[in-house]
Amino acid sequence: MTTTPDRNRVQLPGISSRAYEHPADRSALVAMRSLSGFDTVLKQMSGLVSERRLRLMRLASAVRTSDTQFRSLHDMGRDAAYILDLPRIPEIYVQQDPSVNAMAIGFDDPFIVVTTGLLDLLDEEELRFVVGHETAHILSGHAVYRTMLLILTRLATRVAWIPLGYIGLRAIVAGLEEWFRKSELSCDRGGLLCGQDPEAGMRALMKLAGGTRLHEMNIEAFLEQAREYDTAGDVRDGLLKVLNLLGTTHPFAVVRVAELDRWRRSGQYEAILAGNYPRREDDHNVKITDEIREAARSYRESWSQSQDPFIGVLRDVAEGAVSAGERIFNRFARRDN
């Protein structure tokens, strides 16, 4: 087996994760990164879920990829780290588990875990997209902030007997779940940048919904299904869509495919491959208020594009909430200046 990639892919030297992050994800990350000591506090709070313990568990119970074990998967991890210009190549472990899953774990020295169920489901280019997706999580530093969601979720269950306390925490958790879902859309884009094969990326997401029988599925039909999901039904169906999202951390498969296709068609994907993207060296110059405005603009755009009747009913209320949020952040920005 050769270690030479099957084809040349564009490397993205010094790329900032801001290049592919969804605006709602990016604004939250920029705000959190600006809080001095925030990462340190979260790491201390998550001490019970030690990164070392998790690595030792995988070292004892899974197979670590290398030049002699799962070499193809190992090469994909190397290629993804090369394309996104990571300073270190994350280790990849293969875990015996029939469920379809992959995850990036850790703060200081993150690693990736891929289940055998995922390996059995995807072909090589689809798997490359998933490895790139997890590598993008590492570049964005999502693990640190996802820990907060885990901590608050556990806390919410412990104070469930206190009505007001639970309601307050549940509202925070719901907001974090919304960010979590947007972070998944971000890393689908990152996966596409690593694999640089749009069809493979959309196939991988479609297989999460329909399984291995690719010859019985069709991307265009699946995209049409996504459009139907957006437009179908009345206000009641729109409300049910929102309720179906409660407690979920990943967008539904049709939404992910449609969002990835929309981003690719927007021209941003091609612009990044052409070298037009923000660099890490400029991250410290990014203003929180600018990112908040961009997140608000993104939500407004998605509302205007949506044909969901329920979104239409809530549009004015949501617009008012976004505008109020912008005023608050602008006030804090003036105070800081």
Protein backbone atom coordinates (compact mmCIF):
# COMPACT_ATOMS: atom_id res chain seq x y z
CA MET A 1 0.00 0.00 0.00
CA THR A 2 1.37 3.42 -0.92
CA THR A 3 1.28 6.52 1.30
CA THR A 4 0.95 8.79 -1.73
CA PRO A 5 -2.46 10.56 -1.80
CA ASP A 6 -4.75 9.36 -4.59
CA ARG A 7 -4.69 12.91 -5.99
CA ASN A 8 -3.23 16.28 -5.14
CA ARG A 9 -5.24 18.46 -2.77
CA VAL A 10 -4.78 22.13 -2.06
CA GLN A 11 -2.99 22.90 1.20
CA LEU A 12 -4.28 25.88 3.19
CA PRO A 13 -1.25 27.32 5.04
CA GLY A 14 -2.06 29.20 8.23
CA ILE A 15 -5.81 28.91 7.68
CA SER A 16 -7.93 30.21 10.53
CA SER A 17 -10.92 28.14 11.60
CA ARG A 18 -12.93 31.32 10.96
CA ALA A 19 -12.66 30.47 7.26
CA TYR A 20 -15.17 27.63 7.53
CA GLU A 21 -17.03 28.27 10.77
CA HIS A 22 -20.74 29.02 10.57
CA PRO A 23 -21.29 32.65 11.68
CA ALA A 24 -23.31 31.61 14.74
CA ASP A 25 -20.56 29.18 15.75
CA ARG A 26 -17.79 31.68 15.01
CA SER A 27 -19.32 34.52 17.02
CA ALA A 28 -19.69 32.30 20.09
CA LEU A 29 -16.13 31.03 19.76
CA VAL A 30 -14.66 34.52 19.34
CA ALA A 31 -16.58 35.72 22.41
CA MET A 32 -15.48 32.77 24.55
CA ARG A 33 -11.85 32.97 23.44
CA SER A 34 -11.79 36.63 24.45
CA LEU A 35 -12.57 35.76 28.08
CA SER A 36 -9.26 35.55 29.91
CA GLY A 37 -8.78 32.20 31.63
CA PHE A 38 -12.03 30.72 30.28
CA ASP A 39 -10.31 27.71 28.71
CA THR A 40 -8.36 27.06 31.92
CA VAL A 41 -11.50 27.13 34.07
CA LEU A 42 -13.29 24.71 31.76
CA LYS A 43 -10.33 22.33 31.79
CA GLN A 44 -10.34 22.34 35.58
CA MET A 45 -14.10 21.79 35.70
CA SER A 46 -13.76 18.78 33.41
CA GLY A 47 -11.03 17.19 35.51
CA LEU A 48 -13.18 14.12 36.16
CA VAL A 49 -13.17 13.41 32.42
CA SER A 50 -9.39 13.39 32.17
CA GLU A 51 -7.90 13.53 28.69
CA ARG A 52 -5.16 11.17 29.84
CA ARG A 53 -7.69 8.67 31.16
CA LEU A 54 -9.62 8.73 27.90
CA ARG A 55 -6.44 8.24 25.87
CA LEU A 56 -5.39 5.34 28.10
CA MET A 57 -8.83 3.79 27.65
CA ARG A 58 -8.46 3.92 23.85
CA LEU A 59 -4.88 2.70 24.05
CA ALA A 60 -6.13 -0.33 26.00
CA SER A 61 -9.36 -1.08 24.15
CA ALA A 62 -9.05 0.27 20.59
CA VAL A 63 -6.59 0.08 17.69
CA ARG A 64 -4.34 3.09 17.08
CA THR A 65 -3.78 3.75 13.39
CA SER A 66 -0.22 3.79 12.09
CA ASP A 67 1.85 2.75 9.08
CA THR A 68 1.07 -0.86 10.02
CA GLN A 69 -2.51 -0.57 11.39
CA PHE A 70 -5.39 0.92 9.41
CA ARG A 71 -2.79 2.61 7.25
CA SER A 72 -5.26 4.19 4.85
CA LEU A 73 -7.12 5.86 7.73
CA HIS A 74 -3.80 6.92 9.23
CA ASP A 75 -2.85 8.59 5.95
CA MET A 76 -6.19 10.43 5.86
CA GLY A 77 -5.46 11.90 9.28
CA ARG A 78 -2.02 12.99 8.14
CA ASP A 79 -3.46 14.56 4.97
CA ALA A 80 -6.20 16.42 6.88
CA ALA A 81 -3.65 17.84 9.35
CA TYR A 82 -1.46 18.87 6.41
CA ILE A 83 -4.29 20.61 4.54
CA LEU A 84 -5.55 22.52 7.62
CA ASP A 85 -1.94 23.20 8.68
CA LEU A 86 -2.21 21.74 12.18
CA PRO A 87 1.03 21.86 14.20
CA ARG A 88 0.58 18.20 15.22
CA ILE A 89 -1.07 15.23 13.56
CA PRO A 90 -3.85 13.93 15.84
CA GLU A 91 -3.79 10.23 16.68
CA ILE A 92 -6.71 8.20 15.33
CA TYR A 93 -8.16 5.18 17.14
CA VAL A 94 -10.54 2.60 15.70
CA GLN A 95 -13.09 1.40 18.27
CA GLN A 96 -15.08 -1.81 17.85
CA ASP A 97 -18.63 -0.51 17.91
CA PRO A 98 -21.44 -1.19 15.41
CA SER A 99 -22.90 2.29 15.89
CA VAL A 100 -21.90 4.90 13.31
CA ASN A 101 -19.85 7.54 15.07
CA ALA A 102 -16.65 9.58 15.12
CA MET A 103 -15.45 12.09 17.67
CA ALA A 104 -12.57 14.41 18.50
CA ILE A 105 -11.53 14.22 22.16
CA GLY A 106 -9.18 16.27 24.32
CA PHE A 107 -7.83 19.74 24.97
CA ASP A 108 -4.03 19.76 25.05
CA ASP A 109 -3.35 16.83 22.73
CA PRO A 110 -6.64 15.98 20.96
CA PHE A 111 -7.21 12.66 19.24
CA ILE A 112 -9.89 11.17 17.01
CA VAL A 113 -11.97 8.04 17.57
CA VAL A 114 -13.73 6.28 14.68
CA THR A 115 -16.08 3.34 15.16
CA THR A 116 -16.05 0.19 13.06
CA GLY A 117 -19.68 0.93 12.21
CA LEU A 118 -18.54 4.10 10.45
CA LEU A 119 -15.73 2.27 8.64
CA ASP A 120 -18.22 -0.31 7.38
CA LEU A 121 -20.64 2.37 6.18
CA LEU A 122 -18.38 4.71 4.20
CA ASP A 123 -16.04 4.38 1.24
CA GLU A 124 -12.56 5.94 1.34
CA GLU A 125 -13.44 9.40 0.05
CA GLU A 126 -16.50 9.60 2.31
CA LEU A 127 -14.34 8.55 5.25
CA ARG A 128 -11.79 11.22 4.31
CA PHE A 129 -14.58 13.79 4.65
CA VAL A 130 -15.40 12.54 8.17
CA VAL A 131 -11.74 12.54 9.27
CA GLY A 132 -11.51 16.10 7.94
CA HIS A 133 -14.68 17.00 9.84
CA GLU A 134 -13.14 15.80 13.12
CA THR A 135 -9.84 17.52 12.35
CA ALA A 136 -11.78 20.75 11.84
CA HIS A 137 -13.28 20.31 15.32
CA ILE A 138 -9.72 20.18 16.66
CA LEU A 139 -8.61 23.31 14.79
CA SER A 140 -11.69 25.19 16.05
CA GLY A 141 -11.08 24.06 19.63
CA HIS A 142 -14.66 22.89 19.96
CA ALA A 143 -13.81 20.27 22.60
CA VAL A 144 -13.19 22.94 25.24
CA TYR A 145 -16.56 24.59 24.74
CA ARG A 146 -18.49 21.39 24.26
CA THR A 147 -17.33 20.44 27.75
CA MET A 148 -19.41 23.33 29.09
CA LEU A 149 -22.51 21.83 27.45
CA LEU A 150 -21.77 18.46 29.06
CA ILE A 151 -21.25 20.03 32.49
CA LEU A 152 -24.42 22.13 32.32
CA THR A 153 -26.49 19.22 31.00
CA ARG A 154 -25.43 17.10 33.96
CA LEU A 155 -26.11 19.98 36.33
CA ALA A 156 -29.58 20.47 34.86
CA THR A 157 -30.50 16.87 35.64
CA ARG A 158 -29.31 17.27 39.24
CA VAL A 159 -31.43 20.38 39.89
CA ALA A 160 -34.49 19.12 38.00
CA TRP A 161 -36.43 19.06 41.27
CA ILE A 162 -35.98 22.86 41.59
CA PRO A 163 -38.41 24.24 38.97
CA LEU A 164 -36.93 27.73 38.50
CA GLY A 165 -33.34 26.50 38.60
CA TYR A 166 -34.04 23.81 36.06
CA ILE A 167 -35.90 26.17 33.73
CA GLY A 168 -33.01 28.63 33.77
CA LEU A 169 -30.40 25.95 33.12
CA ARG A 170 -32.55 24.32 30.45
CA ALA A 171 -32.70 27.63 28.59
CA ILE A 172 -28.90 27.88 28.69
CA VAL A 173 -28.51 24.27 27.57
CA ALA A 174 -30.94 24.86 24.69
CA GLY A 175 -28.82 27.79 23.57
CA LEU A 176 -25.67 25.68 23.79
CA GLU A 177 -27.34 22.89 21.82
CA GLU A 178 -28.14 25.39 19.07
CA TRP A 179 -24.46 26.44 19.02
CA PHE A 180 -23.43 22.75 19.01
CA ARG A 181 -25.57 22.11 15.94
CA LYS A 182 -24.02 25.10 14.17
CA SER A 183 -20.54 23.80 15.07
CA GLU A 184 -21.42 20.58 13.22
CA LEU A 185 -22.30 22.61 10.12
CA SER A 186 -18.94 24.39 10.51
CA CYS A 187 -17.01 21.14 10.54
CA ASP A 188 -18.92 19.70 7.59
CA ARG A 189 -17.38 22.63 5.71
CA GLY A 190 -13.99 21.80 7.23
CA GLY A 191 -14.41 18.20 6.14
CA LEU A 192 -15.12 19.36 2.59
CA LEU A 193 -11.97 21.49 2.62
CA CYS A 194 -9.94 18.45 3.65
CA GLY A 195 -11.48 15.96 1.22
CA GLN A 196 -12.05 18.49 -1.57
CA ASP A 197 -14.70 16.18 -3.05
CA PRO A 198 -18.19 17.72 -2.62
CA GLU A 199 -20.01 14.63 -3.89
CA ALA A 200 -18.23 12.39 -1.35
CA GLY A 201 -19.10 14.77 1.49
CA MET A 202 -22.79 14.81 0.59
CA ARG A 203 -22.80 11.04 0.08
CA ALA A 204 -21.35 10.54 3.56
CA LEU A 205 -24.09 12.66 5.13
CA MET A 206 -26.79 10.95 3.07
CA LYS A 207 -25.53 7.54 4.22
CA LEU A 208 -26.00 8.65 7.83
CA ALA A 209 -29.70 8.71 7.01
CA GLY A 210 -30.06 5.83 4.55
CA GLY A 211 -27.28 3.36 5.25
CA THR A 212 -25.06 1.45 2.85
CA ARG A 213 -27.35 0.93 -0.16
CA LEU A 214 -25.93 3.83 -2.10
CA HIS A 215 -27.13 2.40 -5.44
CA GLU A 216 -30.70 2.94 -4.22
CA MET A 217 -30.13 6.59 -3.21
CA ASN A 218 -29.63 9.81 -5.14
CA ILE A 219 -28.10 13.11 -3.97
CA GLU A 220 -30.45 15.31 -6.02
CA ALA A 221 -33.48 13.45 -4.70
CA PHE A 222 -32.13 13.84 -1.15
CA LEU A 223 -31.68 17.58 -1.70
CA GLU A 224 -35.27 17.73 -2.96
CA GLN A 225 -36.27 15.94 0.25
CA ALA A 226 -34.46 18.70 2.20
CA ARG A 227 -36.44 21.37 0.32
CA GLU A 228 -39.66 19.53 1.09
CA TYR A 229 -38.70 19.35 4.77
CA ASP A 230 -38.22 23.12 4.75
CA THR A 231 -41.50 23.94 3.03
CA ALA A 232 -43.84 21.10 3.99
CA GLY A 233 -46.83 21.47 6.24
CA ASP A 234 -48.31 24.39 8.12
CA VAL A 235 -47.45 26.28 11.31
CA ARG A 236 -48.09 23.17 13.39
CA ASP A 237 -45.48 21.21 11.44
CA GLY A 238 -43.01 24.06 11.88
CA LEU A 239 -43.54 23.96 15.64
CA LEU A 240 -43.01 20.19 15.63
CA LYS A 241 -39.70 20.66 13.79
CA VAL A 242 -38.52 22.94 16.58
CA LEU A 243 -39.68 20.52 19.27
CA ASN A 244 -37.92 17.65 17.50
CA LEU A 245 -34.62 19.53 17.92
CA LEU A 246 -34.88 19.73 21.71
CA GLY A 247 -32.12 17.65 23.29
CA THR A 248 -30.28 17.13 20.00
CA THR A 249 -26.68 18.16 19.30
CA HIS A 250 -26.55 17.40 15.57
CA PRO A 251 -28.66 18.83 12.75
CA PHE A 252 -30.77 16.34 10.82
CA ALA A 253 -29.10 14.71 7.83
CA VAL A 254 -31.19 16.50 5.17
CA VAL A 255 -30.36 19.85 6.76
CA ARG A 256 -26.63 19.06 6.80
CA VAL A 257 -26.58 18.04 3.15
CA ALA A 258 -28.57 21.11 2.09
CA GLU A 259 -26.36 23.46 4.14
CA LEU A 260 -23.14 21.95 2.77
CA ASP A 261 -24.44 22.19 -0.79
CA ARG A 262 -25.53 25.80 -0.23
CA TRP A 263 -22.11 26.76 1.17
CA ARG A 264 -20.32 25.12 -1.75
CA ARG A 265 -22.53 26.91 -4.26
CA SER A 266 -22.05 30.26 -2.49
CA GLY A 267 -18.51 30.53 -3.84
CA GLN A 268 -16.84 30.48 -0.41
CA TYR A 269 -15.46 26.98 -0.91
CA GLU A 270 -13.77 27.84 -4.20
CA ALA A 271 -12.47 31.13 -2.77
CA ILE A 272 -10.78 29.32 0.10
CA LEU A 273 -9.15 26.79 -2.23
CA ALA A 274 -7.90 29.76 -4.28
CA GLY A 275 -6.14 31.10 -1.18
CA ASN A 276 -8.65 33.76 -0.15
CA TYR A 277 -9.24 33.00 3.51
CA PRO A 278 -8.55 34.51 6.98
CA ARG A 279 -5.24 33.54 8.61
CA ARG A 280 -4.60 32.45 12.19
CA GLU A 281 -2.09 35.24 12.65
CA ASP A 282 -4.97 37.73 12.41
CA ASP A 283 -7.32 36.00 14.86
CA HIS A 284 -6.36 38.33 17.73
CA ASN A 285 -7.57 41.32 15.71
CA VAL A 286 -11.11 39.99 15.32
CA LYS A 287 -13.80 42.07 17.06
CA ILE A 288 -16.62 40.34 18.90
CA THR A 289 -19.17 42.89 17.72
CA ASP A 290 -18.29 42.25 14.08
CA GLU A 291 -18.84 38.53 14.54
CA ILE A 292 -22.14 39.09 16.36
CA ARG A 293 -23.35 41.24 13.47
CA GLU A 294 -22.30 38.55 11.01
CA ALA A 295 -24.16 35.90 13.03
CA ALA A 296 -27.26 38.11 13.06
CA ARG A 297 -26.96 38.64 9.31
CA SER A 298 -26.67 34.88 8.81
CA TYR A 299 -29.83 34.19 10.82
CA ARG A 300 -31.73 36.91 8.96
CA GLU A 301 -30.64 35.40 5.65
CA SER A 302 -31.71 31.91 6.67
CA TRP A 303 -35.10 33.23 7.83
CA SER A 304 -35.64 35.07 4.57
CA GLN A 305 -34.73 31.97 2.55
CA SER A 306 -36.85 29.58 4.58
CA GLN A 307 -40.31 28.68 3.31
CA ASP A 308 -41.32 27.21 6.67
CA PRO A 309 -44.67 28.80 7.73
CA PHE A 310 -43.69 28.65 11.40
CA ILE A 311 -40.49 30.62 10.70
CA GLY A 312 -42.63 33.20 8.94
CA VAL A 313 -44.80 33.61 12.05
CA LEU A 314 -41.77 33.97 14.34
CA ARG A 315 -39.69 36.09 11.99
CA ASP A 316 -40.69 39.44 13.50
CA VAL A 317 -40.19 38.18 17.08
CA ALA A 318 -36.82 36.66 16.22
CA GLU A 319 -35.76 39.82 14.38
CA GLY A 320 -36.55 41.85 17.47
CA ALA A 321 -34.50 39.50 19.66
CA VAL A 322 -31.52 39.68 17.30
CA SER A 323 -31.70 43.47 17.14
CA ALA A 324 -31.83 43.67 20.93
CA GLY A 325 -28.81 41.38 21.16
CA GLU A 326 -26.89 43.56 18.74
CA ARG A 327 -27.68 46.68 20.80
CA ILE A 328 -26.44 45.00 23.98
CA PHE A 329 -23.17 43.92 22.38
CA ASN A 330 -22.69 47.36 20.83
CA ARG A 331 -23.16 48.96 24.24
CA PHE A 332 -20.54 46.67 25.79
CA ALA A 333 -18.22 47.36 22.87
CA ARG A 334 -18.45 51.15 23.41
CA ARG A 335 -17.82 50.65 27.12
CA ASP A 336 -14.69 48.59 26.42
CA ASN A 337 -13.40 51.31 24.08
